[in-house]
Amino acid sequence: MRRLMTIYLIGLISFGVPAFALDAMGPPAAGLRQNQFEVGADYSYSTMDLRLVGGKWVEWLNGSFYDAGRAVSLTLENVKTNKMYIGFGYGITDDWDVSLFLGGANARLGDSIWGEGEKFDSPTDFAFGFNTRATFYQEDNLKLGGLLQFNWTELDGKLKSACWPVSDSVDIELREIQIAIGPTYQPTDTLSIYGGPFFHRVSGELKDRFSEMYQEGLLTSRYSWDIKERSVFGGYIGLQIDASRNASFNIEYQYTGAADALGLGFIWRF
């Protein structure tokens, strides 16, 4: 039974690997003139592992406190995340701009927690982000700059398995920071190449709640973990293609030692 599997897991020690849920970043330099606006859309797909630490569990029997303890550290493996944003940007100066992103995200994962064929497929939930970019140096067709990006994602859904008759309610909250620095080079009037090294950090929480019926009555269990990762570095490269004076398309690839991601974007400046 699942409760027996839980007791067994609490007696084990497991080690996780770094977690990644990478968002598209775009060129690491300001792209707007002073008082210029932009709207756009971004899509990103990433595969990640989430390391769960500091676990706790509490159980209620027929609505009354029954038992509590610590849950073993675990790793959610191969979490596939899709994110879609609508962005709004503004040029504070010719060398500094800011953007706000509003959108949604969904995720899927397999049986990496309980090993009983469970699946998690969340509906699309709310996500938002903030981005600021600055140009440090510019000469001819070359810019050197940096960006700071923050995003927050909530993933709520059901963890289901044919091995047990109940469905888990799973809530995942992710907070991420990405910092990049690098060049943006424009070899032609309509093409820019950008990229460089970047820093990535993830934190958040995961909560899992489910109920089972026993002879003694209804047993409700709640598990919670912190998602904590050490700072990780990676690199990325992208292309920006100008379809017109005001419209651009981006495609970029991000890589770290444990994950990679693909990002696509469209921008309209006015």
Protein backbone atom coordinates (compact mmCIF):
# COMPACT_ATOMS: atom_id res chain seq x y z
CA MET A 1 0.00 0.00 0.00
CA ARG A 2 1.09 3.58 -0.52
CA ARG A 3 1.39 4.30 3.21
CA LEU A 4 3.85 1.41 3.54
CA MET A 5 5.82 2.80 0.60
CA THR A 6 5.94 6.18 2.34
CA ILE A 7 7.28 4.68 5.58
CA TYR A 8 9.93 2.84 3.56
CA LEU A 9 10.97 6.02 1.73
CA ILE A 10 11.35 7.96 4.96
CA GLY A 11 14.01 5.46 6.01
CA LEU A 12 16.13 6.04 2.88
CA ILE A 13 18.64 8.69 1.86
CA SER A 14 18.47 9.99 -1.71
CA PHE A 15 20.46 12.62 -3.55
CA GLY A 16 19.10 15.04 -6.12
CA VAL A 17 20.63 16.81 -9.10
CA PRO A 18 20.33 20.50 -9.97
CA ALA A 19 16.95 21.90 -10.98
CA PHE A 20 16.26 23.89 -14.11
CA ALA A 21 13.17 25.57 -15.62
CA LEU A 22 14.78 27.92 -18.07
CA ASP A 23 12.93 30.88 -19.63
CA ALA A 24 13.83 32.64 -22.88
CA MET A 25 15.99 35.72 -22.20
CA GLY A 26 16.61 37.47 -25.54
CA PRO A 27 19.64 39.68 -26.27
CA PRO A 28 21.69 40.62 -23.16
CA ALA A 29 21.60 44.34 -23.99
CA ALA A 30 19.01 47.09 -24.19
CA GLY A 31 16.89 46.91 -27.33
CA LEU A 32 14.68 50.00 -26.97
CA ARG A 33 15.29 53.70 -27.35
CA GLN A 34 14.30 56.10 -24.60
CA ASN A 35 10.48 56.30 -24.21
CA GLN A 36 9.98 53.53 -26.79
CA PHE A 37 7.48 50.72 -26.09
CA GLU A 38 7.25 47.12 -27.22
CA VAL A 39 4.81 44.24 -26.98
CA GLY A 40 5.66 40.66 -27.72
CA ALA A 41 5.13 36.97 -27.11
CA ASP A 42 7.61 34.38 -25.81
CA TYR A 43 7.48 30.60 -25.66
CA SER A 44 9.94 28.28 -23.93
CA TYR A 45 10.22 24.53 -23.46
CA SER A 46 12.55 23.01 -20.88
CA THR A 47 13.26 19.70 -19.19
CA MET A 48 14.31 19.82 -15.54
CA ASP A 49 14.95 17.85 -12.37
CA LEU A 50 13.65 19.32 -9.11
CA ARG A 51 15.53 18.53 -5.88
CA LEU A 52 13.14 18.35 -2.91
CA VAL A 53 14.64 18.86 0.57
CA GLY A 54 13.45 19.62 4.11
CA GLY A 55 10.43 17.39 3.71
CA LYS A 56 7.64 17.14 6.30
CA TRP A 57 4.46 15.07 6.49
CA VAL A 58 1.34 15.22 8.62
CA GLU A 59 -1.58 12.78 8.76
CA TRP A 60 -5.16 13.13 10.00
CA LEU A 61 -7.51 10.23 10.79
CA ASN A 62 -11.18 11.11 10.47
CA GLY A 63 -10.22 14.78 10.63
CA SER A 64 -8.15 14.51 13.85
CA PHE A 65 -4.35 14.69 14.11
CA TYR A 66 -2.86 11.23 13.73
CA ASP A 67 0.90 11.30 13.04
CA ALA A 68 3.73 13.51 11.74
CA GLY A 69 7.40 13.31 10.84
CA ARG A 70 10.09 14.20 8.35
CA ALA A 71 9.98 13.10 4.71
CA VAL A 72 13.08 11.93 2.86
CA SER A 73 14.70 14.20 0.27
CA LEU A 74 13.60 13.30 -3.24
CA THR A 75 14.12 14.27 -6.87
CA LEU A 76 11.36 14.97 -9.35
CA GLU A 77 12.96 13.76 -12.55
CA ASN A 78 12.32 14.81 -16.13
CA VAL A 79 9.79 17.57 -15.44
CA LYS A 80 8.74 18.92 -18.84
CA THR A 81 7.57 22.54 -18.69
CA ASN A 82 5.93 24.73 -21.34
CA LYS A 83 5.66 28.48 -20.77
CA MET A 84 3.99 31.20 -22.83
CA TYR A 85 4.19 34.91 -22.03
CA ILE A 86 2.85 38.18 -23.37
CA GLY A 87 5.46 40.89 -22.71
CA PHE A 88 5.36 44.66 -22.35
CA GLY A 89 8.61 46.65 -22.53
CA TYR A 90 9.66 50.27 -22.07
CA GLY A 91 12.91 52.10 -22.75
CA ILE A 92 13.94 54.14 -19.70
CA THR A 93 17.02 55.45 -21.54
CA ASP A 94 18.69 54.48 -24.82
CA ASP A 95 20.86 52.04 -22.82
CA TRP A 96 18.35 50.67 -20.30
CA ASP A 97 14.94 49.05 -20.68
CA VAL A 98 12.51 47.02 -18.54
CA SER A 99 9.84 44.45 -19.39
CA LEU A 100 6.95 42.71 -17.65
CA PHE A 101 5.74 39.25 -18.72
CA LEU A 102 2.32 37.74 -18.02
CA GLY A 103 1.25 34.29 -19.12
CA GLY A 104 0.84 30.66 -18.22
CA ALA A 105 2.70 27.39 -17.76
CA ASN A 106 1.99 23.68 -17.64
CA ALA A 107 4.12 20.67 -16.75
CA ARG A 108 4.27 16.89 -16.95
CA LEU A 109 6.29 14.37 -14.95
CA GLY A 110 6.49 10.62 -14.48
CA ASP A 111 6.82 8.17 -11.60
CA SER A 112 10.01 9.51 -10.02
CA ILE A 113 8.52 10.01 -6.52
CA TRP A 114 6.72 6.81 -5.60
CA GLY A 115 7.79 4.52 -8.46
CA GLU A 116 4.25 3.21 -8.91
CA GLY A 117 3.48 4.41 -12.43
CA GLU A 118 2.11 7.78 -11.33
CA LYS A 119 1.74 10.66 -13.77
CA PHE A 120 1.32 14.41 -13.26
CA ASP A 121 -0.12 16.54 -16.04
CA SER A 122 -1.05 20.01 -14.88
CA PRO A 123 -3.50 22.37 -16.58
CA THR A 124 -2.15 25.74 -17.64
CA ASP A 125 -1.55 27.91 -14.55
CA PHE A 126 -0.52 31.52 -14.05
CA ALA A 127 3.07 32.68 -14.48
CA PHE A 128 4.70 36.08 -14.59
CA GLY A 129 8.18 37.54 -14.96
CA PHE A 130 10.28 40.71 -14.93
CA ASN A 131 13.27 41.58 -17.08
CA THR A 132 15.69 44.51 -17.16
CA ARG A 133 18.52 44.96 -19.69
CA ALA A 134 21.38 47.45 -19.96
CA THR A 135 24.00 48.23 -22.61
CA PHE A 136 27.48 48.78 -21.15
CA TYR A 137 29.40 49.38 -24.38
CA GLN A 138 28.48 49.96 -28.02
CA GLU A 139 30.60 50.45 -31.13
CA ASP A 140 29.45 50.04 -34.75
CA ASN A 141 27.52 46.74 -34.92
CA LEU A 142 28.57 45.39 -31.52
CA LYS A 143 26.90 45.79 -28.14
CA LEU A 144 28.02 44.47 -24.76
CA GLY A 145 25.40 44.31 -22.05
CA GLY A 146 23.69 42.36 -19.33
CA LEU A 147 20.23 41.36 -18.14
CA LEU A 148 18.49 40.38 -14.93
CA GLN A 149 15.35 38.25 -15.16
CA PHE A 150 12.97 36.95 -12.50
CA ASN A 151 9.97 34.66 -12.99
CA TRP A 152 7.37 33.01 -10.78
CA THR A 153 5.38 29.94 -11.81
CA GLU A 154 2.59 27.99 -10.13
CA LEU A 155 1.80 24.43 -11.25
CA ASP A 156 -1.26 22.77 -9.71
CA GLY A 157 -2.60 19.41 -10.77
CA LYS A 158 -3.32 15.77 -9.94
CA LEU A 159 -0.81 12.97 -9.48
CA LYS A 160 -2.58 9.82 -10.72
CA SER A 161 -1.69 6.13 -10.81
CA ALA A 162 -3.44 2.86 -11.61
CA CYS A 163 -1.77 1.41 -8.48
CA TRP A 164 -3.93 3.41 -6.05
CA PRO A 165 -7.58 4.50 -6.24
CA VAL A 166 -7.05 8.08 -5.08
CA SER A 167 -5.73 11.16 -6.84
CA ASP A 168 -3.15 13.42 -5.24
CA SER A 169 -3.51 17.19 -5.28
CA VAL A 170 -0.03 18.51 -6.07
CA ASP A 171 0.96 22.19 -5.90
CA ILE A 172 4.36 23.31 -7.20
CA GLU A 173 5.63 26.90 -6.86
CA LEU A 174 8.85 27.92 -8.61
CA ARG A 175 10.83 31.16 -8.30
CA GLU A 176 13.77 31.65 -10.66
CA ILE A 177 16.50 34.20 -11.28
CA GLN A 178 18.56 34.38 -14.47
CA ILE A 179 21.48 36.79 -14.94
CA ALA A 180 23.30 36.98 -18.28
CA ILE A 181 26.11 39.06 -19.73
CA GLY A 182 27.46 39.02 -23.25
CA PRO A 183 27.64 40.50 -26.76
CA THR A 184 25.01 41.24 -29.38
CA TYR A 185 26.54 41.41 -32.87
CA GLN A 186 24.69 42.59 -35.99
CA PRO A 187 26.45 41.23 -39.13
CA THR A 188 23.66 42.45 -41.46
CA ASP A 189 20.86 44.98 -41.30
CA THR A 190 18.29 42.31 -40.45
CA LEU A 191 20.23 39.76 -38.39
CA SER A 192 21.69 39.89 -34.87
CA ILE A 193 23.60 37.15 -33.05
CA TYR A 194 23.63 37.22 -29.25
CA GLY A 195 24.50 35.11 -26.24
CA GLY A 196 27.00 34.54 -23.47
CA PRO A 197 27.31 32.98 -20.01
CA PHE A 198 24.44 33.13 -17.54
CA PHE A 199 23.68 32.40 -13.90
CA HIS A 200 20.54 30.53 -12.83
CA ARG A 201 18.99 29.90 -9.43
CA VAL A 202 15.76 28.09 -8.49
CA SER A 203 13.76 27.97 -5.28
CA GLY A 204 10.17 27.10 -4.39
CA GLU A 205 7.87 24.64 -2.66
CA LEU A 206 5.98 21.44 -3.46
CA LYS A 207 2.91 20.24 -1.56
CA ASP A 208 1.19 16.87 -1.98
CA ARG A 209 -2.14 16.04 -0.34
CA PHE A 210 -4.18 12.83 -0.65
CA SER A 211 -6.70 10.69 1.25
CA GLU A 212 -7.18 6.93 1.63
CA MET A 213 -9.99 4.92 3.23
CA TYR A 214 -9.00 2.33 5.85
CA GLN A 215 -11.01 0.22 8.29
CA GLU A 216 -10.29 2.84 10.95
CA GLY A 217 -11.68 5.60 8.75
CA LEU A 218 -10.45 8.26 6.32
CA LEU A 219 -6.69 8.90 6.50
CA THR A 220 -5.57 12.21 4.99
CA SER A 221 -1.86 12.84 4.40
CA ARG A 222 -0.04 16.03 3.48
CA TYR A 223 3.60 16.21 2.39
CA SER A 224 5.63 19.36 1.76
CA TRP A 225 9.18 19.99 0.53
CA ASP A 226 11.37 22.98 -0.22
CA ILE A 227 12.88 23.27 -3.68
CA LYS A 228 16.42 24.54 -3.12
CA GLU A 229 19.31 24.64 -5.56
CA ARG A 230 22.87 25.87 -5.54
CA SER A 231 23.81 28.56 -8.05
CA VAL A 232 24.40 27.12 -11.51
CA PHE A 233 26.11 28.58 -14.57
CA GLY A 234 25.44 27.89 -18.24
CA GLY A 235 25.62 29.46 -21.68
CA TYR A 236 23.22 30.46 -24.41
CA ILE A 237 23.14 31.63 -28.02
CA GLY A 238 20.38 33.19 -30.09
CA LEU A 239 19.39 34.82 -33.34
CA GLN A 240 17.20 37.89 -33.78
CA ILE A 241 15.73 38.43 -37.26
CA ASP A 242 14.14 41.75 -38.17
CA ALA A 243 11.06 41.19 -40.31
CA SER A 244 10.51 44.95 -40.60
CA ARG A 245 11.67 48.15 -38.94
CA ASN A 246 9.49 47.46 -35.90
CA ALA A 247 9.02 43.66 -35.85
CA SER A 248 11.58 41.01 -34.83
CA PHE A 249 11.68 37.27 -34.26
CA ASN A 250 13.99 35.52 -31.77
CA ILE A 251 15.14 31.93 -31.44
CA GLU A 252 17.62 30.84 -28.77
CA TYR A 253 19.13 27.77 -27.17
CA GLN A 254 20.25 27.55 -23.53
CA TYR A 255 22.53 24.90 -22.09
CA THR A 256 23.79 23.91 -18.65
CA GLY A 257 25.49 20.79 -17.36
CA ALA A 258 22.15 19.18 -16.45
CA ALA A 259 19.52 20.66 -18.79
CA ASP A 260 18.79 22.59 -21.93
CA ALA A 261 15.94 24.72 -23.26
CA LEU A 262 14.58 26.20 -26.47
CA GLY A 263 13.00 29.65 -26.62
CA LEU A 264 11.05 31.48 -29.34
CA GLY A 265 9.86 35.09 -29.36
CA PHE A 266 8.18 37.85 -31.34
CA ILE A 267 8.57 41.60 -30.63
CA TRP A 268 6.73 44.64 -31.98
CA ARG A 269 8.21 48.06 -31.16
CA PHE A 270 6.38 51.37 -31.36
